[in-house]
Protein backbone atom coordinates (compact mmCIF):
# COMPACT_ATOMS: atom_id res chain seq x y z
CA MET A 1 0.00 0.00 0.00
CA SER A 2 2.80 2.41 0.87
CA ASN A 3 4.46 1.68 -2.48
CA PHE A 4 1.18 2.42 -4.29
CA ILE A 5 0.91 5.76 -2.48
CA ALA A 6 4.52 6.53 -3.40
CA VAL A 7 3.74 5.83 -7.07
CA THR A 8 0.73 8.17 -7.00
CA ARG A 9 2.99 10.83 -5.48
CA MET A 10 5.65 10.23 -8.12
CA ILE A 11 3.24 10.64 -11.03
CA LYS A 12 1.14 13.29 -9.24
CA ILE A 13 -2.07 11.49 -10.14
CA GLU A 14 -4.10 14.54 -9.13
CA HIS A 15 -2.59 16.46 -12.04
CA SER A 16 -4.66 14.30 -14.40
CA VAL A 17 -7.21 17.08 -13.88
CA PHE A 18 -5.19 19.13 -16.38
CA ALA A 19 -5.43 16.71 -19.31
CA LEU A 20 -8.58 14.64 -18.82
CA PRO A 21 -11.17 17.45 -19.13
CA PHE A 22 -9.66 18.54 -22.44
CA ALA A 23 -9.57 14.98 -23.74
CA TYR A 24 -13.28 14.77 -22.83
CA ILE A 25 -13.95 18.09 -24.57
CA GLY A 26 -12.42 16.67 -27.74
CA ALA A 27 -14.41 13.45 -27.31
CA PHE A 28 -17.78 15.16 -26.93
CA LEU A 29 -17.16 17.53 -29.80
CA GLY A 30 -15.77 14.79 -32.01
CA ALA A 31 -18.75 12.55 -31.30
CA GLY A 32 -21.21 15.36 -31.88
CA GLY A 33 -22.44 15.19 -28.30
CA ARG A 34 -22.58 11.59 -27.10
CA PRO A 35 -19.30 9.61 -27.27
CA GLY A 36 -20.53 6.58 -25.33
CA LEU A 37 -19.38 5.35 -21.94
CA GLY A 38 -17.23 2.55 -23.35
CA LYS A 39 -15.12 4.86 -25.47
CA LEU A 40 -14.90 7.42 -22.67
CA PHE A 41 -13.60 4.71 -20.34
CA VAL A 42 -10.92 3.64 -22.84
CA LEU A 43 -9.99 7.28 -23.45
CA THR A 44 -9.63 7.80 -19.69
CA VAL A 45 -7.32 4.78 -19.42
CA ALA A 46 -5.25 6.09 -22.32
CA VAL A 47 -4.88 9.59 -20.85
CA VAL A 48 -4.02 8.39 -17.34
CA ALA A 49 -1.54 5.85 -18.73
CA MET A 50 0.05 8.50 -20.94
CA ARG A 51 0.42 10.90 -17.99
CA SER A 52 1.84 8.13 -15.82
CA TYR A 53 4.42 7.27 -18.47
CA ALA A 54 5.34 10.91 -19.09
CA MET A 55 5.68 11.80 -15.41
CA THR A 56 7.71 8.69 -14.60
CA TYR A 57 10.00 9.21 -17.59
CA ASN A 58 10.50 12.82 -16.52
CA ARG A 59 11.30 11.82 -12.93
CA LEU A 60 13.88 9.30 -14.15
CA ALA A 61 15.45 11.80 -16.55
CA ASP A 62 15.60 14.53 -13.88
CA LEU A 63 16.75 12.35 -10.99
CA GLN A 64 20.28 13.78 -10.96
CA TYR A 65 18.86 17.30 -10.60
CA ASP A 66 16.06 16.38 -8.20
CA ARG A 67 18.68 15.07 -5.78
CA LEU A 68 20.31 18.51 -5.70
CA ASN A 69 17.22 20.73 -5.65
CA PRO A 70 15.85 21.43 -2.13
CA ARG A 71 12.33 21.76 -3.57
CA THR A 72 12.38 18.20 -4.94
CA LYS A 73 14.36 16.38 -2.26
CA ASN A 74 11.26 14.52 -0.97
CA ARG A 75 10.24 12.98 -4.28
CA PRO A 76 9.92 9.16 -3.99
CA LEU A 77 12.73 8.40 -6.43
CA VAL A 78 15.06 10.70 -4.50
CA THR A 79 14.18 9.27 -1.08
CA GLY A 80 14.39 5.69 -2.31
CA GLU A 81 10.72 4.87 -1.67
CA ILE A 82 10.69 3.79 -5.31
CA SER A 83 13.79 2.34 -6.95
CA THR A 84 14.87 3.32 -10.43
CA ALA A 85 14.26 -0.28 -11.55
CA GLN A 86 10.68 -0.13 -10.26
CA ALA A 87 10.14 3.23 -11.94
CA LYS A 88 11.46 1.93 -15.26
CA ARG A 89 9.15 -1.09 -15.13
CA PHE A 90 6.21 1.15 -14.27
CA CYS A 91 7.11 3.50 -17.11
CA ILE A 92 7.24 0.68 -19.66
CA GLY A 93 3.98 -0.77 -18.35
CA ALA A 94 2.21 2.59 -18.59
CA ALA A 95 3.45 3.05 -22.17
CA LEU A 96 2.15 -0.40 -23.15
CA ILE A 97 -1.24 0.26 -21.55
CA PHE A 98 -1.42 3.54 -23.47
CA VAL A 99 -0.70 1.86 -26.80
CA VAL A 100 -3.22 -0.92 -26.14
CA ALA A 101 -5.88 1.62 -25.13
CA CYS A 102 -5.22 3.55 -28.35
CA ALA A 103 -5.69 0.32 -30.31
CA PHE A 104 -9.08 -0.17 -28.64
CA LEU A 105 -10.11 3.33 -29.72
CA ASN A 106 -9.30 2.88 -33.42
CA SER A 107 -6.48 2.01 -35.81
CA LEU A 108 -5.49 5.64 -36.43
CA CYS A 109 -4.99 6.28 -32.71
CA PHE A 110 -2.91 3.10 -32.53
CA PHE A 111 -0.64 4.17 -35.40
CA LEU A 112 -0.27 7.68 -33.96
CA SER A 113 0.39 6.49 -30.38
CA PRO A 114 4.23 6.65 -30.64
CA ILE A 115 4.06 10.41 -31.28
CA PRO A 116 2.92 11.57 -27.81
CA LEU A 117 5.23 8.99 -26.22
CA ALA A 118 8.19 10.40 -28.15
CA VAL A 119 7.31 14.07 -27.63
CA SER A 120 6.82 13.65 -23.88
CA ALA A 121 10.16 11.83 -23.62
CA PHE A 122 11.81 14.60 -25.64
CA TYR A 123 10.36 17.20 -23.24
CA SER A 124 12.16 15.54 -20.34
CA TYR A 125 15.50 16.58 -21.87
CA ALA A 126 14.43 19.88 -23.43
CA LYS A 127 15.35 21.94 -20.38
CA ARG A 128 18.94 20.97 -20.93
CA PHE A 129 19.19 22.96 -24.18
CA THR A 130 16.21 25.31 -24.76
CA TRP A 131 14.03 27.76 -22.85
CA LEU A 132 11.19 26.73 -25.18
CA CYS A 133 10.73 23.67 -22.95
CA HIS A 134 7.49 25.14 -21.54
CA PHE A 135 5.90 25.09 -24.99
CA ILE A 136 7.07 21.53 -25.64
CA LEU A 137 5.34 20.49 -22.42
CA GLY A 138 2.30 22.49 -23.49
CA SER A 139 2.18 20.65 -26.81
CA VAL A 140 2.12 17.29 -24.99
CA LEU A 141 -1.02 18.24 -23.09
CA GLY A 142 -2.30 20.06 -26.17
CA MET A 143 -2.66 16.64 -27.80
CA ALA A 144 -5.36 15.72 -25.26
CA PRO A 145 -8.31 17.33 -27.12
CA LEU A 146 -6.93 16.01 -30.42
CA ALA A 147 -6.73 12.52 -28.93
CA GLY A 148 -10.26 12.75 -27.60
CA TRP A 149 -11.57 13.93 -30.96
CA LEU A 150 -9.70 11.30 -33.00
CA GLY A 151 -10.58 8.59 -30.52
CA MET A 152 -14.28 9.03 -31.14
CA ASP A 153 -14.40 9.44 -34.93
CA PRO A 154 -11.34 10.48 -36.98
CA SER A 155 -13.57 11.42 -39.92
CA THR A 156 -15.07 14.31 -37.92
CA LEU A 157 -11.70 15.95 -37.16
CA ALA A 158 -12.06 19.67 -37.91
CA PRO A 159 -9.81 22.76 -37.76
CA GLN A 160 -11.45 23.64 -34.45
CA ALA A 161 -9.48 20.79 -32.88
CA ALA A 162 -6.29 22.68 -33.76
CA LEU A 163 -7.66 25.75 -31.95
CA LEU A 164 -8.10 23.62 -28.83
CA PHE A 165 -4.57 22.25 -29.28
CA PHE A 166 -3.07 25.75 -29.34
CA GLY A 167 -5.31 26.93 -26.51
CA VAL A 168 -4.13 24.12 -24.24
CA THR A 169 -0.51 24.50 -25.38
CA PHE A 170 -0.39 28.17 -24.41
CA TRP A 171 -2.36 27.52 -21.21
CA VAL A 172 0.10 24.87 -20.01
CA ALA A 173 3.14 26.86 -21.12
CA GLY A 174 1.81 29.88 -19.21
CA PHE A 175 1.38 28.12 -15.89
CA ASP A 176 4.57 26.09 -16.33
CA ILE A 177 6.50 29.35 -16.69
CA LEU A 178 4.95 30.48 -13.40
CA TYR A 179 5.86 27.21 -11.72
CA SER A 180 9.46 27.31 -12.96
CA CYS A 181 9.95 30.73 -11.38
CA GLN A 182 10.54 28.82 -8.13
CA ASP A 183 13.70 27.25 -9.58
CA VAL A 184 15.22 30.23 -11.34
CA GLU A 185 18.40 30.30 -9.23
CA PHE A 186 18.81 26.51 -9.31
CA ASP A 187 18.38 26.43 -13.09
CA GLN A 188 20.91 29.20 -13.62
CA GLU A 189 23.42 27.52 -11.30
CA HIS A 190 23.15 24.15 -13.05
CA GLY A 191 22.95 25.34 -16.64
CA LEU A 192 19.30 24.43 -17.12
CA HIS A 193 17.15 26.43 -19.51
CA SER A 194 13.80 28.04 -18.75
CA ILE A 195 12.18 31.36 -19.52
CA PRO A 196 12.70 32.67 -15.94
CA ALA A 197 16.35 31.57 -15.99
CA ARG A 198 16.94 33.10 -19.41
CA PHE A 199 14.97 36.35 -19.20
CA GLY A 200 14.46 36.97 -15.47
CA LEU A 201 11.36 36.84 -13.28
CA LYS A 202 9.64 40.02 -14.45
CA SER A 203 9.93 39.10 -18.12
CA ALA A 204 8.86 35.55 -17.34
CA LEU A 205 5.71 36.76 -15.59
CA PHE A 206 4.91 38.99 -18.57
CA LEU A 207 5.40 36.12 -21.03
CA SER A 208 3.25 33.87 -18.86
CA SER A 209 0.47 36.47 -19.00
CA PHE A 210 0.92 36.75 -22.77
CA CYS A 211 0.54 32.97 -23.08
CA HIS A 212 -2.74 33.07 -21.17
CA VAL A 213 -4.06 35.91 -23.33
CA ASN A 214 -3.45 33.62 -26.28
CA THR A 215 -5.19 30.82 -24.39
CA CYS A 216 -8.34 32.91 -24.00
CA VAL A 217 -8.30 33.88 -27.67
CA PHE A 218 -7.94 30.30 -28.89
CA PHE A 219 -10.64 28.99 -26.54
CA LEU A 220 -12.97 31.74 -27.73
CA LEU A 221 -12.28 30.89 -31.38
CA ALA A 222 -12.82 27.18 -30.65
CA GLY A 223 -16.23 27.93 -29.19
CA LEU A 224 -17.18 30.08 -32.15
CA GLY A 225 -15.89 27.51 -34.61
CA THR A 226 -17.84 24.63 -33.08
CA GLY A 227 -21.04 26.65 -32.79
CA LEU A 228 -21.42 26.35 -29.02
CA ASN A 229 -24.18 28.43 -27.48
CA TRP A 230 -24.08 31.33 -25.04
CA ILE A 231 -23.51 29.13 -21.99
CA TYR A 232 -20.01 28.31 -23.20
CA TYR A 233 -19.14 32.00 -23.50
CA VAL A 234 -20.30 32.70 -19.96
CA VAL A 235 -17.97 29.95 -18.73
CA TRP A 236 -15.24 31.18 -21.06
CA ALA A 237 -15.51 34.65 -19.50
CA LEU A 238 -15.30 33.12 -16.01
CA VAL A 239 -12.24 31.07 -16.99
CA SER A 240 -10.60 34.16 -18.49
CA GLY A 241 -11.21 36.00 -15.22
CA VAL A 242 -9.66 33.17 -13.22
CA LEU A 243 -6.55 33.24 -15.43
CA ALA A 244 -6.30 36.99 -14.94
CA TYR A 245 -6.64 36.53 -11.15
CA GLU A 246 -3.92 33.85 -11.25
CA HIS A 247 -1.43 36.46 -12.42
CA ARG A 248 -2.40 38.82 -9.62
CA LEU A 249 -1.35 36.19 -7.09
CA VAL A 250 2.27 36.02 -8.22
CA SER A 251 4.87 38.75 -8.52
CA ALA A 252 8.63 38.84 -8.96
CA ASP A 253 8.89 39.79 -5.28
CA ASP A 254 6.43 37.21 -3.94
CA LEU A 255 6.28 33.65 -5.26
CA SER A 256 4.65 32.22 -2.14
CA ARG A 257 1.32 31.57 -3.88
CA VAL A 258 2.69 29.84 -6.97
CA ASN A 259 1.23 26.48 -5.95
CA LEU A 260 -2.24 28.00 -5.56
CA ALA A 261 -1.93 29.59 -8.98
CA PHE A 262 -0.43 26.43 -10.49
CA PHE A 263 -2.74 23.66 -9.28
CA THR A 264 -5.95 24.94 -7.73
CA LEU A 265 -6.83 27.65 -10.23
CA ASN A 266 -5.70 25.76 -13.32
CA GLY A 267 -7.54 22.65 -12.20
CA PHE A 268 -10.65 24.83 -12.02
CA VAL A 269 -9.96 26.17 -15.52
CA ALA A 270 -9.87 22.70 -17.07
CA ILE A 271 -12.95 21.38 -15.28
CA ALA A 272 -14.97 24.57 -15.79
CA LEU A 273 -14.30 24.65 -19.52
CA PHE A 274 -15.37 21.01 -19.85
CA VAL A 275 -18.56 21.70 -17.92
CA GLY A 276 -19.15 24.73 -20.15
CA VAL A 277 -18.88 22.57 -23.27
CA LEU A 278 -21.26 19.96 -21.80
CA LEU A 279 -23.84 22.57 -20.88
CA ALA A 280 -23.55 24.22 -24.27
CA LEU A 281 -24.10 20.88 -26.01
CA PHE A 282 -27.01 19.62 -23.94
CA VAL A 283 -28.87 22.63 -22.51
């Protein structure tokens, strides 16, 4: 039981709230309203397996740095609660479950399944050579609505799915920039690349805000493009307000509320937007 809890801590299972709602948004839009419980279940397995693989791969790749960073010294791989051998087996198992789940969705998802696996693995090393790492991470989660859409019916894939991809990509990049502000000194000391380490905290906060402005624009265009009704735009306005409030919580002189801005508010954003799409489709 303790090992299971350690695994959930390692992969931060609660962070599935970032990807799952957008995968469901893609599923409901791709299915024209009713994707079916069976396909939603398989999609859920695929998304959770993909996140588990990506997080474990990232923890293994970053282990040498996590051992040195005071902020990450209690992670299970660092403390020894989970061995590297166990983590590698779990990572491989999660990747296999993801591929099998994709095969159950349809043949196209199966053939495309290596792409998110490869991109998420690539992200784990991106911080070693580019400050664009935040956008690479964003693109990994940006695939969630595309996956949901393709998983239901590839023939219905429309340009609006690309709008959701870019909306999620900028959204994730924006809050990842905020989160990485905590490690600016560590990153600079160890030659790691991030927007805060490269451009400084004030510029990083500005670029994070710029990313979330783009997020709001793309989510608005996605709603317009899919013909969602007024309920979606009410929720969109609420989500836009929450993102604006998120940036009022954090300043270059006070990073104490980064975790609130990172997890709580962004978890609300994902869930609220999904609820907005559901209400717009069925009310």
